[in-house]
Amino acid sequence: MSFLKRLFGGGGAGEPKSAAPAKQIEHKGFLISATPYKAEGQYQTCGVVSKEIDGVVKEHKFIRADRFAGLDDAVDISIKKGIQLVDEQGEKMFG
């Protein structure tokens, strides 16, 4: 796998194929799901922002470099990052 693909979240070792959300919230019509995963003994910040647009569910997966010893901290930061994406980009993140 290429360096750039791993760097930008294209499927590094330890990344889950699909993870059940640890927590979900609604924010401004978007569903934000926290999906942190275990990586090198810590929890990696990860989540999905989704919204139904014209009858089609659009999703944007994000992974950040932040890692935490506890799952609760990773979940909280994943939700905050999802809120930040919605506030800054809105539906543009899907295009």
PDB file of N, CA and C in Angstrom:
ATOM      1  N   MET A   1       0.853  -1.176   0.000  1.00  0.00           N
ATOM      2  CA  MET A   1       0.000   0.000   0.000  1.00  0.00           C
ATOM      3  C   MET A   1       0.894   1.234   0.000  1.00  0.00           C
ATOM      4  N   SER A   2       0.517   2.241  -0.738  1.00  0.00           N
ATOM      5  CA  SER A   2       1.350   3.435  -0.862  1.00  0.00           C
ATOM      6  C   SER A   2       1.367   4.253   0.420  1.00  0.00           C
ATOM      7  N   PHE A   3       2.446   4.972   0.610  1.00  0.00           N
ATOM      8  CA  PHE A   3       2.613   5.842   1.765  1.00  0.00           C
ATOM      9  C   PHE A   3       1.490   6.873   1.847  1.00  0.00           C
ATOM     10  N   LEU A   4       1.164   7.505   0.724  1.00  0.00           N
ATOM     11  CA  LEU A   4       0.138   8.546   0.726  1.00  0.00           C
ATOM     12  C   LEU A   4      -1.232   7.989   1.076  1.00  0.00           C
ATOM     13  N   LYS A   5      -1.521   6.784   0.603  1.00  0.00           N
ATOM     14  CA  LYS A   5      -2.807   6.187   0.902  1.00  0.00           C
ATOM     15  C   LYS A   5      -2.947   5.938   2.400  1.00  0.00           C
ATOM     16  N   ARG A   6      -1.886   5.436   3.034  1.00  0.00           N
ATOM     17  CA  ARG A   6      -1.913   5.225   4.490  1.00  0.00           C
ATOM     18  C   ARG A   6      -1.996   6.555   5.221  1.00  0.00           C
ATOM     19  N   LEU A   7      -1.247   7.556   4.753  1.00  0.00           N
ATOM     20  CA  LEU A   7      -1.202   8.856   5.399  1.00  0.00           C
ATOM     21  C   LEU A   7      -2.572   9.519   5.431  1.00  0.00           C
ATOM     22  N   PHE A   8      -3.329   9.382   4.366  1.00  0.00           N
ATOM     23  CA  PHE A   8      -4.618  10.054   4.268  1.00  0.00           C
ATOM     24  C   PHE A   8      -5.801   9.122   4.540  1.00  0.00           C
ATOM     25  N   GLY A   9      -5.553   8.051   5.274  1.00  0.00           N
ATOM     26  CA  GLY A   9      -6.654   7.203   5.731  1.00  0.00           C
ATOM     27  C   GLY A   9      -7.169   6.235   4.707  1.00  0.00           C
ATOM     28  N   GLY A  10      -6.310   5.777   3.814  1.00  0.00           N
ATOM     29  CA  GLY A  10      -6.735   4.863   2.771  1.00  0.00           C
ATOM     30  C   GLY A  10      -6.651   3.402   3.135  1.00  0.00           C
ATOM     31  N   GLY A  11      -6.550   3.075   4.400  1.00  0.00           N
ATOM     32  CA  GLY A  11      -6.592   1.664   4.772  1.00  0.00           C
ATOM     33  C   GLY A  11      -5.308   1.148   5.347  1.00  0.00           C
ATOM     34  N   GLY A  12      -4.850   1.701   6.420  1.00  0.00           N
ATOM     35  CA  GLY A  12      -3.639   1.221   7.071  1.00  0.00           C
ATOM     36  C   GLY A  12      -3.920  -0.010   7.908  1.00  0.00           C
ATOM     37  N   ALA A  13      -2.856  -0.664   8.336  1.00  0.00           N
ATOM     38  CA  ALA A  13      -2.987  -1.844   9.173  1.00  0.00           C
ATOM     39  C   ALA A  13      -3.691  -1.468  10.468  1.00  0.00           C
ATOM     40  N   GLY A  14      -4.574  -2.314  10.906  1.00  0.00           N
ATOM     41  CA  GLY A  14      -5.286  -2.057  12.145  1.00  0.00           C
ATOM     42  C   GLY A  14      -6.603  -1.326  11.949  1.00  0.00           C
ATOM     43  N   GLU A  15      -6.797  -0.738  10.804  1.00  0.00           N
ATOM     44  CA  GLU A  15      -8.055  -0.029  10.547  1.00  0.00           C
ATOM     45  C   GLU A  15      -9.157  -1.048  10.300  1.00  0.00           C
ATOM     46  N   PRO A  16     -10.298  -0.898  10.982  1.00  0.00           N
ATOM     47  CA  PRO A  16     -11.365  -1.880  10.807  1.00  0.00           C
ATOM     48  C   PRO A  16     -12.034  -1.749   9.450  1.00  0.00           C
ATOM     49  N   LYS A  17     -12.561  -2.867   8.965  1.00  0.00           N
ATOM     50  CA  LYS A  17     -13.309  -2.840   7.702  1.00  0.00           C
ATOM     51  C   LYS A  17     -14.628  -2.085   7.898  1.00  0.00           C
ATOM     52  N   SER A  18     -15.311  -2.370   8.996  1.00  0.00           N
ATOM     53  CA  SER A  18     -16.505  -1.619   9.373  1.00  0.00           C
ATOM     54  C   SER A  18     -16.663  -1.768  10.885  1.00  0.00           C
ATOM     55  N   ALA A  19     -16.959  -0.678  11.519  1.00  0.00           N
ATOM     56  CA  ALA A  19     -17.068  -0.702  12.973  1.00  0.00           C
ATOM     57  C   ALA A  19     -18.453  -0.229  13.388  1.00  0.00           C
ATOM     58  N   ALA A  20     -18.984  -0.860  14.403  1.00  0.00           N
ATOM     59  CA  ALA A  20     -20.256  -0.410  14.953  1.00  0.00           C
ATOM     60  C   ALA A  20     -20.006   0.901  15.689  1.00  0.00           C
ATOM     61  N   PRO A  21     -20.867   1.874  15.515  1.00  0.00           N
ATOM     62  CA  PRO A  21     -20.655   3.159  16.191  1.00  0.00           C
ATOM     63  C   PRO A  21     -20.659   3.010  17.707  1.00  0.00           C
ATOM     64  N   ALA A  22     -19.693   3.652  18.357  1.00  0.00           N
ATOM     65  CA  ALA A  22     -19.649   3.673  19.814  1.00  0.00           C
ATOM     66  C   ALA A  22     -20.674   4.672  20.347  1.00  0.00           C
ATOM     67  N   LYS A  23     -20.969   5.696  19.543  1.00  0.00           N
ATOM     68  CA  LYS A  23     -21.933   6.729  19.917  1.00  0.00           C
ATOM     69  C   LYS A  23     -22.383   7.437  18.652  1.00  0.00           C
ATOM     70  N   GLN A  24     -23.639   7.875  18.618  1.00  0.00           N
ATOM     71  CA  GLN A  24     -24.170   8.637  17.490  1.00  0.00           C
ATOM     72  C   GLN A  24     -24.941   9.830  18.027  1.00  0.00           C
ATOM     73  N   ILE A  25     -24.807  10.953  17.307  1.00  0.00           N
ATOM     74  CA  ILE A  25     -25.605  12.130  17.630  1.00  0.00           C
ATOM     75  C   ILE A  25     -26.104  12.745  16.321  1.00  0.00           C
ATOM     76  N   GLU A  26     -27.162  13.562  16.442  1.00  0.00           N
ATOM     77  CA  GLU A  26     -27.661  14.336  15.306  1.00  0.00           C
ATOM     78  C   GLU A  26     -27.196  15.771  15.521  1.00  0.00           C
ATOM     79  N   HIS A  27     -26.693  16.386  14.448  1.00  0.00           N
ATOM     80  CA  HIS A  27     -26.241  17.777  14.518  1.00  0.00           C
ATOM     81  C   HIS A  27     -26.583  18.465  13.199  1.00  0.00           C
ATOM     82  N   LYS A  28     -27.474  19.438  13.251  1.00  0.00           N
ATOM     83  CA  LYS A  28     -27.883  20.213  12.073  1.00  0.00           C
ATOM     84  C   LYS A  28     -28.356  19.331  10.920  1.00  0.00           C
ATOM     85  N   GLY A  29     -29.062  18.262  11.227  1.00  0.00           N
ATOM     86  CA  GLY A  29     -29.594  17.377  10.191  1.00  0.00           C
ATOM     87  C   GLY A  29     -28.632  16.298   9.732  1.00  0.00           C
ATOM     88  N   PHE A  30     -27.432  16.260  10.258  1.00  0.00           N
ATOM     89  CA  PHE A  30     -26.434  15.246   9.938  1.00  0.00           C
ATOM     90  C   PHE A  30     -26.375  14.240  11.081  1.00  0.00           C
ATOM     91  N   LEU A  31     -26.066  12.992  10.764  1.00  0.00           N
ATOM     92  CA  LEU A  31     -25.828  11.975  11.779  1.00  0.00           C
ATOM     93  C   LEU A  31     -24.325  11.807  11.911  1.00  0.00           C
ATOM     94  N   ILE A  32     -23.808  11.980  13.112  1.00  0.00           N
ATOM     95  CA  ILE A  32     -22.378  11.830  13.371  1.00  0.00           C
ATOM     96  C   ILE A  32     -22.195  10.572  14.203  1.00  0.00           C
ATOM     97  N   SER A  33     -21.386   9.651  13.697  1.00  0.00           N
ATOM     98  CA  SER A  33     -21.124   8.380  14.364  1.00  0.00           C
ATOM     99  C   SER A  33     -19.657   8.304  14.746  1.00  0.00           C
ATOM    100  N   ALA A  34     -19.384   8.067  16.017  1.00  0.00           N
ATOM    101  CA  ALA A  34     -18.015   7.873  16.483  1.00  0.00           C
ATOM    102  C   ALA A  34     -17.664   6.392  16.326  1.00  0.00           C
ATOM    103  N   THR A  35     -16.577   6.106  15.603  1.00  0.00           N
ATOM    104  CA  THR A  35     -16.161   4.723  15.365  1.00  0.00           C
ATOM    105  C   THR A  35     -14.660   4.545  15.637  1.00  0.00           C
ATOM    106  N   PRO A  36     -14.174   4.973  16.798  1.00  0.00           N
ATOM    107  CA  PRO A  36     -12.747   4.806  17.069  1.00  0.00           C
ATOM    108  C   PRO A  36     -12.374   3.324  17.083  1.00  0.00           C
ATOM    109  N   TYR A  37     -11.119   3.042  16.752  1.00  0.00           N
ATOM    110  CA  TYR A  37     -10.652   1.660  16.714  1.00  0.00           C
ATOM    111  C   TYR A  37      -9.292   1.561  17.398  1.00  0.00           C
ATOM    112  N   LYS A  38      -8.958   0.366  17.827  1.00  0.00           N
ATOM    113  CA  LYS A  38      -7.710   0.112  18.537  1.00  0.00           C
ATOM    114  C   LYS A  38      -6.559   0.090  17.527  1.00  0.00           C
ATOM    115  N   ALA A  39      -5.515   0.877  17.824  1.00  0.00           N
ATOM    116  CA  ALA A  39      -4.328   0.930  16.973  1.00  0.00           C
ATOM    117  C   ALA A  39      -3.103   1.103  17.863  1.00  0.00           C
ATOM    118  N   GLU A  40      -2.228   0.143  17.817  1.00  0.00           N
ATOM    119  CA  GLU A  40      -0.983   0.194  18.583  1.00  0.00           C
ATOM    120  C   GLU A  40      -1.237   0.456  20.070  1.00  0.00           C
ATOM    121  N   GLY A  41      -2.233  -0.217  20.629  1.00  0.00           N
ATOM    122  CA  GLY A  41      -2.518  -0.124  22.049  1.00  0.00           C
ATOM    123  C   GLY A  41      -3.320   1.084  22.483  1.00  0.00           C
ATOM    124  N   GLN A  42      -3.717   1.921  21.535  1.00  0.00           N
ATOM    125  CA  GLN A  42      -4.529   3.090  21.861  1.00  0.00           C
ATOM    126  C   GLN A  42      -5.730   3.136  20.920  1.00  0.00           C
ATOM    127  N   TYR A  43      -6.625   4.091  21.169  1.00  0.00           N
ATOM    128  CA  TYR A  43      -7.812   4.243  20.326  1.00  0.00           C
ATOM    129  C   TYR A  43      -7.637   5.412  19.363  1.00  0.00           C
ATOM    130  N   GLN A  44      -7.788   5.123  18.080  1.00  0.00           N
ATOM    131  CA  GLN A  44      -7.623   6.098  17.006  1.00  0.00           C
ATOM    132  C   GLN A  44      -8.922   6.868  16.807  1.00  0.00           C
ATOM    133  N   THR A  45      -8.835   8.182  16.671  1.00  0.00           N
ATOM    134  CA  THR A  45      -9.996   9.025  16.398  1.00  0.00           C
ATOM    135  C   THR A  45     -10.527   8.707  15.001  1.00  0.00           C
ATOM    136  N   CYS A  46     -11.806   8.357  14.925  1.00  0.00           N
ATOM    137  CA  CYS A  46     -12.398   7.956  13.652  1.00  0.00           C
ATOM    138  C   CYS A  46     -13.910   8.118  13.746  1.00  0.00           C
ATOM    139  N   GLY A  47     -14.541   8.438  12.627  1.00  0.00           N
ATOM    140  CA  GLY A  47     -15.985   8.560  12.625  1.00  0.00           C
ATOM    141  C   GLY A  47     -16.562   8.683  11.228  1.00  0.00           C
ATOM    142  N   VAL A  48     -17.876   8.786  11.181  1.00  0.00           N
ATOM    143  CA  VAL A  48     -18.602   8.917   9.923  1.00  0.00           C
ATOM    144  C   VAL A  48     -19.650  10.009  10.094  1.00  0.00           C
ATOM    145  N   VAL A  49     -19.715  10.905   9.110  1.00  0.00           N
ATOM    146  CA  VAL A  49     -20.770  11.914   9.049  1.00  0.00           C
ATOM    147  C   VAL A  49     -21.668  11.512   7.882  1.00  0.00           C
ATOM    148  N   SER A  50     -22.973  11.422   8.122  1.00  0.00           N
ATOM    149  CA  SER A  50     -23.889  11.025   7.056  1.00  0.00           C
ATOM    150  C   SER A  50     -25.129  11.906   7.063  1.00  0.00           C
ATOM    151  N   LYS A  51     -25.759  11.938   5.880  1.00  0.00           N
ATOM    152  CA  LYS A  51     -26.997  12.704   5.719  1.00  0.00           C
ATOM    153  C   LYS A  51     -27.724  12.184   4.490  1.00  0.00           C
ATOM    154  N   GLU A  52     -29.051  12.118   4.586  1.00  0.00           N
ATOM    155  CA  GLU A  52     -29.847  11.744   3.427  1.00  0.00           C
ATOM    156  C   GLU A  52     -30.103  12.994   2.596  1.00  0.00           C
ATOM    157  N   ILE A  53     -29.697  12.931   1.324  1.00  0.00           N
ATOM    158  CA  ILE A  53     -29.866  14.050   0.398  1.00  0.00           C
ATOM    159  C   ILE A  53     -30.565  13.514  -0.845  1.00  0.00           C
ATOM    160  N   ASP A  54     -31.724  14.062  -1.158  1.00  0.00           N
ATOM    161  CA  ASP A  54     -32.516  13.629  -2.316  1.00  0.00           C
ATOM    162  C   ASP A  54     -32.742  12.121  -2.320  1.00  0.00           C
ATOM    163  N   GLY A  55     -33.027  11.552  -1.154  1.00  0.00           N
ATOM    164  CA  GLY A  55     -33.326  10.137  -1.044  1.00  0.00           C
ATOM    165  C   GLY A  55     -32.122   9.214  -1.018  1.00  0.00           C
ATOM    166  N   VAL A  56     -30.916   9.779  -1.060  1.00  0.00           N
ATOM    167  CA  VAL A  56     -29.689   8.978  -1.053  1.00  0.00           C
ATOM    168  C   VAL A  56     -28.880   9.327   0.193  1.00  0.00           C
ATOM    169  N   VAL A  57     -28.445   8.302   0.923  1.00  0.00           N
ATOM    170  CA  VAL A  57     -27.622   8.538   2.108  1.00  0.00           C
ATOM    171  C   VAL A  57     -26.170   8.748   1.668  1.00  0.00           C
ATOM    172  N   LYS A  58     -25.647   9.921   1.977  1.00  0.00           N
ATOM    173  CA  LYS A  58     -24.252  10.255   1.671  1.00  0.00           C
ATOM    174  C   LYS A  58     -23.443  10.091   2.952  1.00  0.00           C
ATOM    175  N   GLU A  59     -22.215   9.577   2.840  1.00  0.00           N
ATOM    176  CA  GLU A  59     -21.353   9.386   3.991  1.00  0.00           C
ATOM    177  C   GLU A  59     -19.970   9.957   3.742  1.00  0.00           C
ATOM    178  N   HIS A  60     -19.386  10.472   4.804  1.00  0.00           N
ATOM    179  CA  HIS A  60     -17.997  10.946   4.763  1.00  0.00           C
ATOM    180  C   HIS A  60     -17.288  10.352   5.970  1.00  0.00           C
ATOM    181  N   LYS A  61     -16.327   9.463   5.715  1.00  0.00           N
ATOM    182  CA  LYS A  61     -15.559   8.847   6.796  1.00  0.00           C
ATOM    183  C   LYS A  61     -14.332   9.711   7.067  1.00  0.00           C
ATOM    184  N   PHE A  62     -14.027   9.896   8.350  1.00  0.00           N
ATOM    185  CA  PHE A  62     -12.823  10.650   8.693  1.00  0.00           C
ATOM    186  C   PHE A  62     -11.993   9.881   9.713  1.00  0.00           C
ATOM    187  N   ILE A  63     -10.703  10.010   9.590  1.00  0.00           N
ATOM    188  CA  ILE A  63      -9.739   9.430  10.521  1.00  0.00           C
ATOM    189  C   ILE A  63      -8.742  10.522  10.839  1.00  0.00           C
ATOM    190  N   ARG A  64      -8.444  10.703  12.103  1.00  0.00           N
ATOM    191  CA  ARG A  64      -7.482  11.717  12.535  1.00  0.00           C
ATOM    192  C   ARG A  64      -6.315  11.034  13.229  1.00  0.00           C
ATOM    193  N   ALA A  65      -5.224  11.725  13.320  1.00  0.00           N
ATOM    194  CA  ALA A  65      -4.012  11.177  13.922  1.00  0.00           C
ATOM    195  C   ALA A  65      -4.113  11.037  15.434  1.00  0.00           C
ATOM    196  N   ASP A  66      -5.070  11.724  16.045  1.00  0.00           N
ATOM    197  CA  ASP A  66      -5.204  11.702  17.505  1.00  0.00           C
ATOM    198  C   ASP A  66      -5.470  10.291  18.006  1.00  0.00           C
ATOM    199  N   ARG A  67      -4.723   9.896  19.044  1.00  0.00           N
ATOM    200  CA  ARG A  67      -4.939   8.605  19.703  1.00  0.00           C
ATOM    201  C   ARG A  67      -5.058   8.828  21.203  1.00  0.00           C
ATOM    202  N   PHE A  68      -5.851   7.964  21.843  1.00  0.00           N
ATOM    203  CA  PHE A  68      -6.126   8.108  23.268  1.00  0.00           C
ATOM    204  C   PHE A  68      -6.037   6.756  23.955  1.00  0.00           C
ATOM    205  N   ALA A  69      -5.649   6.777  25.222  1.00  0.00           N
ATOM    206  CA  ALA A  69      -5.560   5.544  26.001  1.00  0.00           C
ATOM    207  C   ALA A  69      -6.941   4.972  26.284  1.00  0.00           C
ATOM    208  N   GLY A  70      -7.933   5.847  26.480  1.00  0.00           N
ATOM    209  CA  GLY A  70      -9.284   5.399  26.812  1.00  0.00           C
ATOM    210  C   GLY A  70     -10.258   5.551  25.662  1.00  0.00           C
ATOM    211  N   LEU A  71     -11.170   4.598  25.547  1.00  0.00           N
ATOM    212  CA  LEU A  71     -12.192   4.634  24.503  1.00  0.00           C
ATOM    213  C   LEU A  71     -13.098   5.857  24.641  1.00  0.00           C
ATOM    214  N   ASP A  72     -13.486   6.203  25.862  1.00  0.00           N
ATOM    215  CA  ASP A  72     -14.390   7.338  26.067  1.00  0.00           C
ATOM    216  C   ASP A  72     -13.814   8.637  25.528  1.00  0.00           C
ATOM    217  N   ASP A  73     -12.523   8.861  25.737  1.00  0.00           N
ATOM    218  CA  ASP A  73     -11.877  10.072  25.207  1.00  0.00           C
ATOM    219  C   ASP A  73     -11.878  10.064  23.683  1.00  0.00           C
ATOM    220  N   ALA A  74     -11.587   8.919  23.089  1.00  0.00           N
ATOM    221  CA  ALA A  74     -11.577   8.809  21.621  1.00  0.00           C
ATOM    222  C   ALA A  74     -12.966   9.047  21.048  1.00  0.00           C
ATOM    223  N   VAL A  75     -14.000   8.541  21.725  1.00  0.00           N
ATOM    224  CA  VAL A  75     -15.383   8.743  21.272  1.00  0.00           C
ATOM    225  C   VAL A  75     -15.735  10.227  21.339  1.00  0.00           C
ATOM    226  N   ASP A  76     -15.417  10.866  22.466  1.00  0.00           N
ATOM    227  CA  ASP A  76     -15.737  12.293  22.628  1.00  0.00           C
ATOM    228  C   ASP A  76     -15.067  13.144  21.556  1.00  0.00           C
ATOM    229  N   ILE A  77     -13.800  12.902  21.283  1.00  0.00           N
ATOM    230  CA  ILE A  77     -13.081  13.687  20.279  1.00  0.00           C
ATOM    231  C   ILE A  77     -13.599  13.375  18.881  1.00  0.00           C
ATOM    232  N   SER A  78     -13.937  12.126  18.610  1.00  0.00           N
ATOM    233  CA  SER A  78     -14.500  11.771  17.300  1.00  0.00           C
ATOM    234  C   SER A  78     -15.801  12.526  17.040  1.00  0.00           C
ATOM    235  N   ILE A  79     -16.660  12.616  18.058  1.00  0.00           N
ATOM    236  CA  ILE A  79     -17.911  13.375  17.919  1.00  0.00           C
ATOM    237  C   ILE A  79     -17.605  14.852  17.685  1.00  0.00           C
ATOM    238  N   LYS A  80     -16.678  15.415  18.450  1.00  0.00           N
ATOM    239  CA  LYS A  80     -16.317  16.836  18.282  1.00  0.00           C
ATOM    240  C   LYS A  80     -15.746  17.109  16.895  1.00  0.00           C
ATOM    241  N   LYS A  81     -14.932  16.200  16.362  1.00  0.00           N
ATOM    242  CA  LYS A  81     -14.387  16.374  15.009  1.00  0.00           C
ATOM    243  C   LYS A  81     -15.494  16.305  13.964  1.00  0.00           C
ATOM    244  N   GLY A  82     -16.478  15.420  14.173  1.00  0.00           N
ATOM    245  CA  GLY A  82     -17.613  15.340  13.257  1.00  0.00           C
ATOM    246  C   GLY A  82     -18.430  16.616  13.264  1.00  0.00           C
ATOM    247  N   ILE A  83     -18.663  17.171  14.450  1.00  0.00           N
ATOM    248  CA  ILE A  83     -19.385  18.446  14.567  1.00  0.00           C
ATOM    249  C   ILE A  83     -18.614  19.547  13.855  1.00  0.00           C
ATOM    250  N   GLN A  84     -17.315  19.563  14.031  1.00  0.00           N
ATOM    251  CA  GLN A  84     -16.477  20.568  13.371  1.00  0.00           C
ATOM    252  C   GLN A  84     -16.579  20.457  11.848  1.00  0.00           C
ATOM    253  N   LEU A  85     -16.556  19.242  11.320  1.00  0.00           N
ATOM    254  CA  LEU A  85     -16.708  19.050   9.872  1.00  0.00           C
ATOM    255  C   LEU A  85     -18.041  19.586   9.376  1.00  0.00           C
ATOM    256  N   VAL A  86     -19.110  19.277  10.088  1.00  0.00           N
ATOM    257  CA  VAL A  86     -20.446  19.756   9.699  1.00  0.00           C
ATOM    258  C   VAL A  86     -20.491  21.278   9.735  1.00  0.00           C
ATOM    259  N   ASP A  87     -19.982  21.870  10.811  1.00  0.00           N
ATOM    260  CA  ASP A  87     -20.021  23.327  10.956  1.00  0.00           C
ATOM    261  C   ASP A  87     -19.186  24.033   9.892  1.00  0.00           C
ATOM    262  N   GLU A  88     -18.051  23.465   9.530  1.00  0.00           N
ATOM    263  CA  GLU A  88     -17.150  24.112   8.564  1.00  0.00           C
ATOM    264  C   GLU A  88     -17.516  23.826   7.110  1.00  0.00           C
ATOM    265  N   GLN A  89     -17.992  22.595   6.810  1.00  0.00           N
ATOM    266  CA  GLN A  89     -18.182  22.202   5.417  1.00  0.00           C
ATOM    267  C   GLN A  89     -19.623  21.924   5.023  1.00  0.00           C
ATOM    268  N   GLY A  90     -20.443  21.520   5.977  1.00  0.00           N
ATOM    269  CA  GLY A  90     -21.814  21.171   5.633  1.00  0.00           C
ATOM    270  C   GLY A  90     -21.882  20.105   4.555  1.00  0.00           C
ATOM    271  N   GLU A  91     -22.835  20.238   3.644  1.00  0.00           N
ATOM    272  CA  GLU A  91     -23.016  19.243   2.567  1.00  0.00           C
ATOM    273  C   GLU A  91     -21.864  19.233   1.562  1.00  0.00           C
ATOM    274  N   LYS A  92     -21.014  20.252   1.564  1.00  0.00           N
ATOM    275  CA  LYS A  92     -19.870  20.285   0.641  1.00  0.00           C
ATOM    276  C   LYS A  92     -18.909  19.127   0.869  1.00  0.00           C
ATOM    277  N   MET A  93     -18.901  18.545   2.068  1.00  0.00           N
ATOM    278  CA  MET A  93     -17.982  17.441   2.339  1.00  0.00           C
ATOM    279  C   MET A  93     -18.299  16.211   1.494  1.00  0.00           C
ATOM    280  N   PHE A  94     -19.511  16.132   0.946  1.00  0.00           N
ATOM    281  CA  PHE A  94     -19.901  14.991   0.131  1.00  0.00           C
ATOM    282  C   PHE A  94     -19.579  15.172  -1.348  1.00  0.00           C
ATOM    283  N   GLY A  95     -19.209  16.351  -1.735  1.00  0.00           N
ATOM    284  CA  GLY A  95     -19.007  16.624  -3.159  1.00  0.00           C
ATOM    285  C   GLY A  95     -17.633  16.726  -3.525  1.00  0.00           C
TER     286      GLY A  95
END
